Amino acid sequence: MIRAVESEQHASAPVLAAYSYCEAVTGRQARNFAYGIRLLPAPKRRAMSALYAFSRRVDDIGDGALADDVKAARLQDTRALLGRVREGAVEDDDTDPVAVALAHAARTFPIPLGGLDELIDGVLADVRGETYETWDDLKVYCRCVAGAIGRLSLGVFGTEPGARGAERAPEYADTLGLALQLTNILRDVREDAEGGRTYLPADDLAKFGCSAGFQGPRPPEGSDFAGLVHFEVRRARALFAEGYQLLPMLDRRSGACVAAMAGIYRRLLDRIAREPEAVLRGRVSLPGREKAYVAVRGLSGLDTRHVTRQTVRRRA
C-alpha cells in the first residue's frame, strides 16, 4: 500500500508563493493536466503542480532552440538541482520557486523522485535524436517520460487502505502513463516530424508503408496511414484498459483526477481513430465543454465503478 500524507506540513509564506508560481505554470501550459488536478484537495493539487513545473522545465530544455551540447549541460544542471531536493538542501527562501515547491512536496508526500531522473534520461534521448525500431524500444522511452510521471503522481495520490491488489498500483500508474504518451505521439506526429523527430517504431512504419515520414498534410504516397493509426490506437486502448485498474485503488478525489486526465486523452484517441489524417493537418484537441464533461464523469465515480464491475466479472 502507498499511503499519501493527508495533512500538509506547515507551509511558510515563501513555500505558498512557490506553489502559486507552479500552479500558474500548470494552468498556463498544461490545460488537460490542470483540468484533472483541480479536482484534488489543495495539498495534493499543489504537489502535483510542483511535479508538473519541474517536468515542464525539463521538457522545455529538450524542446528549445539551444545547441544540443548546451541542452545536455542544462539537463545535467537540472539533475543536480534534483539532487539538492532529494538531499533536503533546498531552503524555503531559495530563489528557485520550482525547487522550493518540489522540496516541500517531497517532504509532505512519499514521492519517488527517481522518476524525475528517468524523465531527464528520456529528454536526453530526445536531444541525442534517438529513434525506435520496435515497440519494446519505444516503450522504454515512454516509461521514462510518461510512465515515471504516473508513478510520481501515485506518490501524491496514495492508495486506499485495504485496496485489493494495491501492490500493483505503480505498475498500473506506469501503464496509464504509457497510454497517454502513445496518444500524444499520435496527436503530434506531424509536429514532431517537422522538428526532425520520429517516435513511432520503425518496423510499424515499414509495415504500413510510412517509412518516408510525415512532412505534409497528406500521408506518404501509397501508404496505409489509416491502418498505421488504427494499429497504434488498438495498442493504446489496451494500455488504457490495463492502466484503468488503478482507479478503484485510489480515494474518490484522486480517482476523479486520474479518470479526468485519462478520460480526456481516451476521448482524444477516439477522435484520432475516427479521422486519422486529421493529425497531419494540425493538432487534434477536445473542446472545453467535453473536457468539463469528462471531469464531472470522473468526479461522479462512473469510471471507477465501471472498472470495478469489470474486475468482479473477470474474477467470477
Foldseek 3Di string as FASTA:
>chain_A
DQDAQPDADDADPLLVVLLVVLLVVCVVPPVLLNLLLVLDPPLLSSLLSLVVSLLVVLVCLLPDDDQLVVSLVVLVVSVVLLVCLVVVNDDSPDPNSSSNNNSSNVVRWVFPSVLVVLLSVLSNCSSVQDEAADPVRLLSSLLNNFLSSLRRSCRSFPFDVPQPPVVCLSVLSSLLRSLLVLLVCLLCQQVQVVVVHDYPHCVLCVVFVQNVGQPALDGPPPGPQLVSLVVSLVVSVVSNLSSLLNLLGGPLSNSLSSQLSSVQSNVQSVVCNVPVSVSSVHGGHDDPVVSVVSSVCSNVCVSVVVSVVVVVVVVD
